[in-house]
Every structure is written in structure tokens, then in C-alpha cells.
Amino acid sequence: MQNLGLAEQWDRGGIASPLWRTHTHLRNFVRLAVAAALWLVLGVPSHADEAAMPSFSRPDSMEARVQGCVTCHGQSGQGTLNAYFPRIAGKPAAYLYNQLVAFRDGKRAYPPMNYLVAYLPDAYLREIADYFSRQHPAFEPSQRPDVEAAVLMRGSAIALTGDLNRQIPACITCHGPGLTGMEPGIPGLVGLRPAYVVAQLTRWRTGGRHAAAPDCMKRIADRLSEHDVYAVATWLSTQPLPHDPSPMAANLPRMPLACGSQK
């Protein structure tokens, strides 16, 4: 039993919990319901057909366990054609874990995610986060947006140098020179579609998304105009995809703001 992951011990009954066994059926039901709803509302494949389901040498492996995630995020976390479902592969494990906990505890609101992880314990969420942090699938080819050069210039300025007059630090200061993120808790920005970046920055600006205090992203987003948000999101989508998307090592002394996610 000691060689099994905590998630595997839960499902094999190695950690006794009648409550967990009761909720196992509920979790499976929710996963199917969410997949069906996404397919009906958003046109996302539900993978419910037996022929579409991947086969696994071990049905109790983590690869099999995360099938509730892949409908929206792709089989290896590479993202899907839906612009609002981000790539999660290769992001820092601590960042992914923090997001899963936030969805479970209702601190970050998106009903399909809230329902999917509602009854999962910390140990299971950590194993899911570790699993996707180790995935490195190829990036989807990016498409250059048809926008005015001035938009890209403004986005480039925010990302690479910031705006000192408005106390907006450069994105690369925290997300790394290659925008691949920073350990332990800052995600990469490369490979994200503009619609997703705009949506998240807007949620921070309007109070719909929060991070651990001190919430550095909230402070930055509050200083961005709607035009800034669109410009930086658009510019990010035009950047070359890195050969090595690994997040950089922690560099707390050089961060422009105290950031709770880096504790």
C-alpha cells in the first residue's frame, strides 16, 4: 500500500472513508453530466462513445483517473479548440493545485469545474496537479490575429517593459522571459488563446477572480484598461511557441509585487 499514490489508496479502500465511497458514484455521475452538458451547449465532444474512449493498460492509473478533465483540456492537457478552455499541461504543479482547490472551495466560480472537484480531497487534487504538470504535448499552431499594428505595439509594451506611469510591471517580470511561468505558482502565458486571457483579466478587474493574498494579479489588472487587456492578450497569441515550455525557477527577490501564490 505504501507504493500507491494517495488517490489510488482512496479508490482501493486503503484509506477507509464511507463518505468517499458514497461520493464516488456521485462524482462519476457529475463527470458524465458535465460532459453531456458541454457537448449539448458548447459542441464539445463528450467522449461518451465507447469507440472514442482511450484504452488503458491499468484502469486505476492516473491517466485513466483524469478522464474527467480531458473533455475540456485535452487528453494530455494541451487544450481544445474551444478558446475558453486553456492549456494546463506543463504548468507549475502548485499553480494547478491552487486552482483546483479554489474551484472546489468555491473561491473560483465555474460550475462544471466546481461540480467536478466538489468532493475531492487535497491529496487527490495534488496528484492531478502533479500529473498535468509533467505533461508536455506539442502546442497547437497559433494563428496571427488580424489587428492593427498599434494594438500589437501596446500589447508588446505591457508584456516586455510594462507601463511605469501607471505602475504596471512587465508580464515577463513574473511570468518569465519566455512567458512559460515561474515556480512555484505562476502559470505560463504562451499557447493561451486571446479570448481566455481577456476573460481572466476581466474577471480580476471586476472582482470575479481572486488569488491568495496579497493578490498581485488583482492589483495589476485594476490598472489595465479594456484596451490594454485586449492588446496584451492579442500580442501574447502572436508569440513563438517555445521549444522548452518548462517554468523558470523561483526568483522572488526580483518580483515587482508581493504575490500570495508564490508562498
C-alpha atoms as a PDB file:
ATOM      1  CA  MET A   1       0.000   0.000   0.000  1.00  0.00           C
ATOM      2  CA  GLN A   2       2.904   2.376   0.660  1.00  0.00           C
ATOM      3  CA  ASN A   3       3.849   2.410  -3.026  1.00  0.00           C
ATOM      4  CA  LEU A   4       0.416   3.575  -4.103  1.00  0.00           C
ATOM      5  CA  GLY A   5      -0.416   7.248  -4.574  1.00  0.00           C
ATOM      6  CA  LEU A   6      -2.911   8.706  -2.135  1.00  0.00           C
ATOM      7  CA  ALA A   7      -5.543   8.952  -4.840  1.00  0.00           C
ATOM      8  CA  GLU A   8      -5.105   5.268  -5.619  1.00  0.00           C
ATOM      9  CA  GLN A   9      -5.303   4.369  -1.940  1.00  0.00           C
ATOM     10  CA  TRP A  10      -8.593   6.248  -1.664  1.00  0.00           C
ATOM     11  CA  ASP A  11     -10.156   4.363  -4.570  1.00  0.00           C
ATOM     12  CA  ARG A  12      -8.814   0.973  -3.478  1.00  0.00           C
ATOM     13  CA  GLY A  13     -10.162   1.479   0.001  1.00  0.00           C
ATOM     14  CA  GLY A  14      -6.723   1.691   1.605  1.00  0.00           C
ATOM     15  CA  ILE A  15      -7.871   4.838   3.369  1.00  0.00           C
ATOM     16  CA  ALA A  16     -11.199   3.988   4.942  1.00  0.00           C
ATOM     17  CA  SER A  17     -13.903   6.517   4.203  1.00  0.00           C
ATOM     18  CA  PRO A  18     -17.574   5.533   3.734  1.00  0.00           C
ATOM     19  CA  LEU A  19     -18.240   9.142   2.744  1.00  0.00           C
ATOM     20  CA  TRP A  20     -15.663   8.895  -0.041  1.00  0.00           C
ATOM     21  CA  ARG A  21     -17.132   5.632  -1.353  1.00  0.00           C
ATOM     22  CA  THR A  22     -20.605   7.160  -1.338  1.00  0.00           C
ATOM     23  CA  HIS A  23     -19.445  10.166  -3.282  1.00  0.00           C
ATOM     24  CA  THR A  24     -17.539   8.075  -5.831  1.00  0.00           C
ATOM     25  CA  HIS A  25     -20.818   7.311  -7.588  1.00  0.00           C
ATOM     26  CA  LEU A  26     -21.823  10.958  -7.423  1.00  0.00           C
ATOM     27  CA  ARG A  27     -18.507  12.065  -8.907  1.00  0.00           C
ATOM     28  CA  ASN A  28     -18.846   9.630 -11.791  1.00  0.00           C
ATOM     29  CA  PHE A  29     -22.379  10.856 -12.425  1.00  0.00           C
ATOM     30  CA  VAL A  30     -21.276  14.500 -12.359  1.00  0.00           C
ATOM     31  CA  ARG A  31     -18.483  13.789 -14.823  1.00  0.00           C
ATOM     32  CA  LEU A  32     -20.890  12.241 -17.287  1.00  0.00           C
ATOM     33  CA  ALA A  33     -23.428  15.027 -16.759  1.00  0.00           C
ATOM     34  CA  VAL A  34     -20.839  17.735 -17.298  1.00  0.00           C
ATOM     35  CA  ALA A  35     -19.540  16.051 -20.448  1.00  0.00           C
ATOM     36  CA  ALA A  36     -23.061  15.740 -21.831  1.00  0.00           C
ATOM     37  CA  ALA A  37     -23.886  19.353 -20.974  1.00  0.00           C
ATOM     38  CA  LEU A  38     -20.730  20.641 -22.617  1.00  0.00           C
ATOM     39  CA  TRP A  39     -21.474  18.652 -25.733  1.00  0.00           C
ATOM     40  CA  LEU A  40     -25.054  19.930 -25.914  1.00  0.00           C
ATOM     41  CA  VAL A  41     -24.331  23.569 -25.075  1.00  0.00           C
ATOM     42  CA  LEU A  42     -20.843  24.173 -26.402  1.00  0.00           C
ATOM     43  CA  GLY A  43     -20.408  21.484 -29.012  1.00  0.00           C
ATOM     44  CA  VAL A  44     -17.508  19.929 -27.100  1.00  0.00           C
ATOM     45  CA  PRO A  45     -17.171  16.174 -27.726  1.00  0.00           C
ATOM     46  CA  SER A  46     -18.330  14.211 -24.704  1.00  0.00           C
ATOM     47  CA  HIS A  47     -16.188  11.143 -25.500  1.00  0.00           C
ATOM     48  CA  ALA A  48     -19.131   9.083 -24.294  1.00  0.00           C
ATOM     49  CA  ASP A  49     -18.977   6.724 -27.258  1.00  0.00           C
ATOM     50  CA  GLU A  50     -17.125   3.563 -26.362  1.00  0.00           C
ATOM     51  CA  ALA A  51     -15.124   3.726 -29.579  1.00  0.00           C
ATOM     52  CA  ALA A  52     -13.900   7.218 -28.685  1.00  0.00           C
ATOM     53  CA  MET A  53     -12.702   6.221 -25.227  1.00  0.00           C
ATOM     54  CA  PRO A  54      -8.951   5.590 -24.942  1.00  0.00           C
ATOM     55  CA  SER A  55      -7.830   2.267 -23.580  1.00  0.00           C
ATOM     56  CA  PHE A  56      -5.532   1.948 -20.598  1.00  0.00           C
ATOM     57  CA  SER A  57      -3.250  -0.856 -19.543  1.00  0.00           C
ATOM     58  CA  ARG A  58      -4.193  -0.012 -15.956  1.00  0.00           C
ATOM     59  CA  PRO A  59      -7.742   1.257 -15.399  1.00  0.00           C
ATOM     60  CA  ASP A  60      -6.705   2.601 -11.991  1.00  0.00           C
ATOM     61  CA  SER A  61      -3.815   4.709 -13.339  1.00  0.00           C
ATOM     62  CA  MET A  62      -3.761   8.493 -13.091  1.00  0.00           C
ATOM     63  CA  GLU A  63      -4.096   8.650 -16.874  1.00  0.00           C
ATOM     64  CA  ALA A  64      -7.432   6.884 -16.522  1.00  0.00           C
ATOM     65  CA  ARG A  65      -8.484   8.903 -13.486  1.00  0.00           C
ATOM     66  CA  VAL A  66      -8.106  12.286 -15.195  1.00  0.00           C
ATOM     67  CA  GLN A  67     -10.565  11.456 -17.973  1.00  0.00           C
ATOM     68  CA  GLY A  68     -12.980  13.818 -16.245  1.00  0.00           C
ATOM     69  CA  CYS A  69     -10.558  16.626 -17.131  1.00  0.00           C
ATOM     70  CA  VAL A  70      -9.687  15.815 -20.739  1.00  0.00           C
ATOM     71  CA  THR A  71     -13.067  16.649 -22.292  1.00  0.00           C
ATOM     72  CA  CYS A  72     -12.274  20.332 -21.893  1.00  0.00           C
ATOM     73  CA  HIS A  73      -8.484  20.403 -21.518  1.00  0.00           C
ATOM     74  CA  GLY A  74      -7.391  17.719 -23.978  1.00  0.00           C
ATOM     75  CA  GLN A  75      -6.070  14.209 -23.459  1.00  0.00           C
ATOM     76  CA  SER A  76      -2.678  15.496 -22.289  1.00  0.00           C
ATOM     77  CA  GLY A  77      -3.824  18.900 -21.074  1.00  0.00           C
ATOM     78  CA  GLN A  78      -2.901  20.584 -24.346  1.00  0.00           C
ATOM     79  CA  GLY A  79      -6.214  22.446 -24.572  1.00  0.00           C
ATOM     80  CA  THR A  80      -9.038  22.079 -27.067  1.00  0.00           C
ATOM     81  CA  LEU A  81     -10.486  24.077 -29.929  1.00  0.00           C
ATOM     82  CA  ASN A  82     -12.703  25.966 -27.513  1.00  0.00           C
ATOM     83  CA  ALA A  83     -10.870  29.206 -26.772  1.00  0.00           C
ATOM     84  CA  TYR A  84     -12.077  29.347 -23.173  1.00  0.00           C
ATOM     85  CA  PHE A  85     -10.575  26.004 -22.116  1.00  0.00           C
ATOM     86  CA  PRO A  86      -6.874  26.660 -21.506  1.00  0.00           C
ATOM     87  CA  ARG A  87      -3.807  24.520 -21.898  1.00  0.00           C
ATOM     88  CA  ILE A  88      -2.865  23.192 -18.465  1.00  0.00           C
ATOM     89  CA  ALA A  89      -0.038  20.856 -19.475  1.00  0.00           C
ATOM     90  CA  GLY A  90       3.364  21.764 -18.062  1.00  0.00           C
ATOM     91  CA  LYS A  91       2.117  24.489 -15.748  1.00  0.00           C
ATOM     92  CA  PRO A  92       3.609  24.552 -12.238  1.00  0.00           C
ATOM     93  CA  ALA A  93       2.047  21.872 -10.065  1.00  0.00           C
ATOM     94  CA  ALA A  94       1.472  24.321  -7.216  1.00  0.00           C
ATOM     95  CA  TYR A  95      -0.415  26.665  -9.555  1.00  0.00           C
ATOM     96  CA  LEU A  96      -2.656  23.869 -10.828  1.00  0.00           C
ATOM     97  CA  TYR A  97      -3.254  22.635  -7.290  1.00  0.00           C
ATOM     98  CA  ASN A  98      -4.196  26.140  -6.100  1.00  0.00           C
ATOM     99  CA  GLN A  99      -6.740  26.446  -8.919  1.00  0.00           C
ATOM    100  CA  LEU A 100      -8.281  23.047  -8.190  1.00  0.00           C
ATOM    101  CA  VAL A 101      -8.631  23.933  -4.513  1.00  0.00           C
ATOM    102  CA  ALA A 102     -10.151  27.297  -5.441  1.00  0.00           C
ATOM    103  CA  PHE A 103     -12.723  25.611  -7.695  1.00  0.00           C
ATOM    104  CA  ARG A 104     -13.535  23.001  -5.050  1.00  0.00           C
ATOM    105  CA  ASP A 105     -13.945  25.553  -2.276  1.00  0.00           C
ATOM    106  CA  GLY A 106     -15.950  27.984  -4.398  1.00  0.00           C
ATOM    107  CA  LYS A 107     -13.302  30.718  -4.408  1.00  0.00           C
ATOM    108  CA  ARG A 108     -13.159  30.474  -8.180  1.00  0.00           C
ATOM    109  CA  ALA A 109     -16.516  30.104  -9.919  1.00  0.00           C
ATOM    110  CA  TYR A 110     -17.150  27.980 -12.986  1.00  0.00           C
ATOM    111  CA  PRO A 111     -19.961  25.445 -12.372  1.00  0.00           C
ATOM    112  CA  PRO A 112     -18.596  22.467 -14.388  1.00  0.00           C
ATOM    113  CA  MET A 113     -15.270  22.700 -12.558  1.00  0.00           C
ATOM    114  CA  ASN A 114     -16.921  23.387  -9.203  1.00  0.00           C
ATOM    115  CA  TYR A 115     -19.067  20.268  -9.548  1.00  0.00           C
ATOM    116  CA  LEU A 116     -16.272  18.087 -10.899  1.00  0.00           C
ATOM    117  CA  VAL A 117     -13.944  18.567  -7.939  1.00  0.00           C
ATOM    118  CA  ALA A 118     -16.513  19.253  -5.219  1.00  0.00           C
ATOM    119  CA  TYR A 119     -15.770  16.105  -3.202  1.00  0.00           C
ATOM    120  CA  LEU A 120     -12.108  15.502  -3.993  1.00  0.00           C
ATOM    121  CA  PRO A 121      -9.648  15.664  -1.057  1.00  0.00           C
ATOM    122  CA  ASP A 122      -6.475  17.721  -1.117  1.00  0.00           C
ATOM    123  CA  ALA A 123      -4.274  14.674  -1.719  1.00  0.00           C
ATOM    124  CA  TYR A 124      -6.214  13.714  -4.843  1.00  0.00           C
ATOM    125  CA  LEU A 125      -6.142  17.268  -6.214  1.00  0.00           C
ATOM    126  CA  ARG A 126      -2.391  17.394  -5.653  1.00  0.00           C
ATOM    127  CA  GLU A 127      -1.894  14.205  -7.643  1.00  0.00           C
ATOM    128  CA  ILE A 128      -3.999  15.567 -10.507  1.00  0.00           C
ATOM    129  CA  ALA A 129      -1.934  18.765 -10.488  1.00  0.00           C
ATOM    130  CA  ASP A 130       1.327  16.815 -10.439  1.00  0.00           C
ATOM    131  CA  TYR A 131       0.143  14.653 -13.329  1.00  0.00           C
ATOM    132  CA  PHE A 132      -0.651  17.546 -15.665  1.00  0.00           C
ATOM    133  CA  SER A 133       2.460  19.481 -14.644  1.00  0.00           C
ATOM    134  CA  ARG A 134       4.509  16.592 -16.048  1.00  0.00           C
ATOM    135  CA  GLN A 135       2.749  16.550 -19.422  1.00  0.00           C
ATOM    136  CA  HIS A 136       4.477  18.225 -22.372  1.00  0.00           C
ATOM    137  CA  PRO A 137       2.361  17.728 -25.511  1.00  0.00           C
ATOM    138  CA  ALA A 138       3.061  19.770 -28.613  1.00  0.00           C
ATOM    139  CA  PHE A 139       1.498  23.223 -28.792  1.00  0.00           C
ATOM    140  CA  GLU A 140      -1.367  23.847 -31.152  1.00  0.00           C
ATOM    141  CA  PRO A 141      -0.287  26.088 -34.061  1.00  0.00           C
ATOM    142  CA  SER A 142      -1.185  29.693 -33.369  1.00  0.00           C
ATOM    143  CA  GLN A 143      -2.978  31.952 -35.842  1.00  0.00           C
ATOM    144  CA  ARG A 144      -1.850  35.537 -36.232  1.00  0.00           C
ATOM    145  CA  PRO A 145      -4.797  37.827 -35.496  1.00  0.00           C
ATOM    146  CA  ASP A 146      -5.887  40.442 -37.985  1.00  0.00           C
ATOM    147  CA  VAL A 147      -5.447  43.579 -35.875  1.00  0.00           C
ATOM    148  CA  GLU A 148      -3.881  46.993 -36.248  1.00  0.00           C
ATOM    149  CA  ALA A 149      -0.162  47.305 -35.610  1.00  0.00           C
ATOM    150  CA  ALA A 150      -0.849  49.788 -32.799  1.00  0.00           C
ATOM    151  CA  VAL A 151      -2.684  47.107 -30.834  1.00  0.00           C
ATOM    152  CA  LEU A 152       0.275  44.739 -31.031  1.00  0.00           C
ATOM    153  CA  MET A 153       2.683  47.538 -30.124  1.00  0.00           C
ATOM    154  CA  ARG A 154       0.711  48.348 -26.973  1.00  0.00           C
ATOM    155  CA  GLY A 155       0.499  44.675 -26.040  1.00  0.00           C
ATOM    156  CA  SER A 156       4.224  44.246 -26.591  1.00  0.00           C
ATOM    157  CA  ALA A 157       4.992  47.264 -24.411  1.00  0.00           C
ATOM    158  CA  ILE A 158       2.921  45.931 -21.500  1.00  0.00           C
ATOM    159  CA  ALA A 159       4.349  42.441 -21.773  1.00  0.00           C
ATOM    160  CA  LEU A 160       8.014  43.363 -22.200  1.00  0.00           C
ATOM    161  CA  THR A 161       8.504  46.691 -20.413  1.00  0.00           C
ATOM    162  CA  GLY A 162       5.291  47.482 -18.548  1.00  0.00           C
ATOM    163  CA  ASP A 163       3.948  50.975 -18.004  1.00  0.00           C
ATOM    164  CA  LEU A 164       5.816  52.850 -15.277  1.00  0.00           C
ATOM    165  CA  ASN A 165       3.439  55.818 -15.339  1.00  0.00           C
ATOM    166  CA  ARG A 166       0.574  53.540 -14.291  1.00  0.00           C
ATOM    167  CA  GLN A 167       2.676  51.207 -12.142  1.00  0.00           C
ATOM    168  CA  ILE A 168       2.073  48.237 -14.418  1.00  0.00           C
ATOM    169  CA  PRO A 169       5.013  45.810 -14.303  1.00  0.00           C
ATOM    170  CA  ALA A 170       6.054  43.882 -17.394  1.00  0.00           C
ATOM    171  CA  CYS A 171       4.460  40.457 -17.761  1.00  0.00           C
ATOM    172  CA  ILE A 172       7.898  38.872 -18.226  1.00  0.00           C
ATOM    173  CA  THR A 173       8.964  40.039 -14.759  1.00  0.00           C
ATOM    174  CA  CYS A 174       6.794  37.366 -13.138  1.00  0.00           C
ATOM    175  CA  HIS A 175       5.855  35.018 -15.970  1.00  0.00           C
ATOM    176  CA  GLY A 176       9.439  34.650 -17.143  1.00  0.00           C
ATOM    177  CA  PRO A 177      11.406  35.936 -20.143  1.00  0.00           C
ATOM    178  CA  GLY A 178       9.907  33.192 -22.280  1.00  0.00           C
ATOM    179  CA  LEU A 179       6.452  33.643 -20.691  1.00  0.00           C
ATOM    180  CA  THR A 180       6.499  29.993 -19.608  1.00  0.00           C
ATOM    181  CA  GLY A 181       5.713  30.762 -15.961  1.00  0.00           C
ATOM    182  CA  MET A 182       7.684  30.610 -12.726  1.00  0.00           C
ATOM    183  CA  GLU A 183       7.808  28.099  -9.906  1.00  0.00           C
ATOM    184  CA  PRO A 184       6.057  27.508  -7.658  1.00  0.00           C
ATOM    185  CA  GLY A 185       2.780  29.191  -8.572  1.00  0.00           C
ATOM    186  CA  ILE A 186       2.866  31.441 -11.671  1.00  0.00           C
ATOM    187  CA  PRO A 187       1.489  29.945 -14.907  1.00  0.00           C
ATOM    188  CA  GLY A 188       2.877  30.218 -18.403  1.00  0.00           C
ATOM    189  CA  LEU A 189       1.061  32.507 -20.817  1.00  0.00           C
ATOM    190  CA  VAL A 190       2.311  31.099 -24.119  1.00  0.00           C
ATOM    191  CA  GLY A 191      -0.162  28.992 -26.039  1.00  0.00           C
ATOM    192  CA  LEU A 192      -3.230  30.618 -24.474  1.00  0.00           C
ATOM    193  CA  ARG A 193      -5.871  31.988 -26.806  1.00  0.00           C
ATOM    194  CA  PRO A 194      -6.734  35.707 -26.577  1.00  0.00           C
ATOM    195  CA  ALA A 195     -10.342  35.082 -25.530  1.00  0.00           C
ATOM    196  CA  TYR A 196      -9.209  33.140 -22.457  1.00  0.00           C
ATOM    197  CA  VAL A 197      -6.644  35.770 -21.404  1.00  0.00           C
ATOM    198  CA  VAL A 198      -9.187  38.572 -21.868  1.00  0.00           C
ATOM    199  CA  ALA A 199     -11.784  36.658 -19.857  1.00  0.00           C
ATOM    200  CA  GLN A 200      -9.449  36.019 -16.924  1.00  0.00           C
ATOM    201  CA  LEU A 201      -8.029  39.543 -16.756  1.00  0.00           C
ATOM    202  CA  THR A 202     -11.569  40.926 -16.952  1.00  0.00           C
ATOM    203  CA  ARG A 203     -12.668  38.678 -14.091  1.00  0.00           C
ATOM    204  CA  TRP A 204      -9.794  40.005 -11.986  1.00  0.00           C
ATOM    205  CA  ARG A 205     -10.707  43.587 -12.883  1.00  0.00           C
ATOM    206  CA  THR A 206     -14.365  43.053 -11.946  1.00  0.00           C
ATOM    207  CA  GLY A 207     -13.708  41.015  -8.796  1.00  0.00           C
ATOM    208  CA  GLY A 208     -14.815  37.677 -10.257  1.00  0.00           C
ATOM    209  CA  ARG A 209     -11.450  36.016  -9.759  1.00  0.00           C
ATOM    210  CA  HIS A 210      -9.151  36.104  -6.757  1.00  0.00           C
ATOM    211  CA  ALA A 211      -5.816  34.651  -5.712  1.00  0.00           C
ATOM    212  CA  ALA A 212      -4.133  34.145  -2.363  1.00  0.00           C
ATOM    213  CA  ALA A 213      -3.392  37.408  -0.566  1.00  0.00           C
ATOM    214  CA  PRO A 214      -1.602  39.549  -1.413  1.00  0.00           C
ATOM    215  CA  ASP A 215      -3.367  39.231  -4.763  1.00  0.00           C
ATOM    216  CA  CYS A 216      -0.782  40.722  -7.106  1.00  0.00           C
ATOM    217  CA  MET A 217      -2.796  39.968 -10.252  1.00  0.00           C
ATOM    218  CA  LYS A 218      -5.784  41.878  -8.896  1.00  0.00           C
ATOM    219  CA  ARG A 219      -3.597  44.924  -8.297  1.00  0.00           C
ATOM    220  CA  ILE A 220      -2.152  44.735 -11.801  1.00  0.00           C
ATOM    221  CA  ALA A 221      -5.463  44.052 -13.562  1.00  0.00           C
ATOM    222  CA  ASP A 222      -7.070  47.046 -11.832  1.00  0.00           C
ATOM    223  CA  ARG A 223      -4.513  49.283 -13.554  1.00  0.00           C
ATOM    224  CA  LEU A 224      -5.228  47.899 -17.027  1.00  0.00           C
ATOM    225  CA  SER A 225      -7.797  49.465 -19.303  1.00  0.00           C
ATOM    226  CA  GLU A 226     -10.040  47.350 -21.513  1.00  0.00           C
ATOM    227  CA  HIS A 227      -7.844  48.312 -24.455  1.00  0.00           C
ATOM    228  CA  ASP A 228      -4.735  47.192 -22.535  1.00  0.00           C
ATOM    229  CA  VAL A 229      -6.332  43.835 -21.753  1.00  0.00           C
ATOM    230  CA  TYR A 230      -7.215  43.242 -25.397  1.00  0.00           C
ATOM    231  CA  ALA A 231      -3.796  44.408 -26.599  1.00  0.00           C
ATOM    232  CA  VAL A 232      -1.718  42.217 -24.303  1.00  0.00           C
ATOM    233  CA  ALA A 233      -3.937  39.172 -24.883  1.00  0.00           C
ATOM    234  CA  THR A 234      -3.676  39.630 -28.631  1.00  0.00           C
ATOM    235  CA  TRP A 235       0.101  40.153 -28.554  1.00  0.00           C
ATOM    236  CA  LEU A 236       0.604  37.043 -26.419  1.00  0.00           C
ATOM    237  CA  SER A 237      -1.197  34.952 -29.023  1.00  0.00           C
ATOM    238  CA  THR A 238       1.324  36.014 -31.679  1.00  0.00           C
ATOM    239  CA  GLN A 239       4.432  34.859 -29.819  1.00  0.00           C
ATOM    240  CA  PRO A 240       6.552  31.935 -30.999  1.00  0.00           C
ATOM    241  CA  LEU A 241       5.862  28.746 -29.124  1.00  0.00           C
ATOM    242  CA  PRO A 242       8.843  27.669 -27.025  1.00  0.00           C
ATOM    243  CA  HIS A 243      10.825  24.509 -27.585  1.00  0.00           C
ATOM    244  CA  ASP A 244      11.048  24.070 -23.819  1.00  0.00           C
ATOM    245  CA  PRO A 245       7.859  25.271 -22.067  1.00  0.00           C
ATOM    246  CA  SER A 246       9.151  24.488 -18.564  1.00  0.00           C
ATOM    247  CA  PRO A 247       8.529  27.221 -15.979  1.00  0.00           C
ATOM    248  CA  MET A 248      11.580  29.046 -14.705  1.00  0.00           C
ATOM    249  CA  ALA A 249      12.936  28.593 -11.194  1.00  0.00           C
ATOM    250  CA  ALA A 250      11.576  30.799  -8.427  1.00  0.00           C
ATOM    251  CA  ASN A 251      13.070  34.294  -8.391  1.00  0.00           C
ATOM    252  CA  LEU A 252      11.203  36.040  -5.594  1.00  0.00           C
ATOM    253  CA  PRO A 253      13.717  38.853  -4.992  1.00  0.00           C
ATOM    254  CA  ARG A 254      13.101  40.245  -8.485  1.00  0.00           C
ATOM    255  CA  MET A 255       9.321  40.199  -8.400  1.00  0.00           C
ATOM    256  CA  PRO A 256       7.825  43.726  -8.542  1.00  0.00           C
ATOM    257  CA  LEU A 257       4.982  42.946  -6.127  1.00  0.00           C
ATOM    258  CA  ALA A 258       4.453  40.592  -3.219  1.00  0.00           C
ATOM    259  CA  CYS A 259       2.415  37.690  -4.557  1.00  0.00           C
ATOM    260  CA  GLY A 260       0.486  35.249  -2.386  1.00  0.00           C
ATOM    261  CA  SER A 261       0.666  32.470  -4.986  1.00  0.00           C
ATOM    262  CA  GLN A 262       4.437  32.308  -4.544  1.00  0.00           C
ATOM    263  CA  LYS A 263       4.398  31.493  -0.843  1.00  0.00           C
END
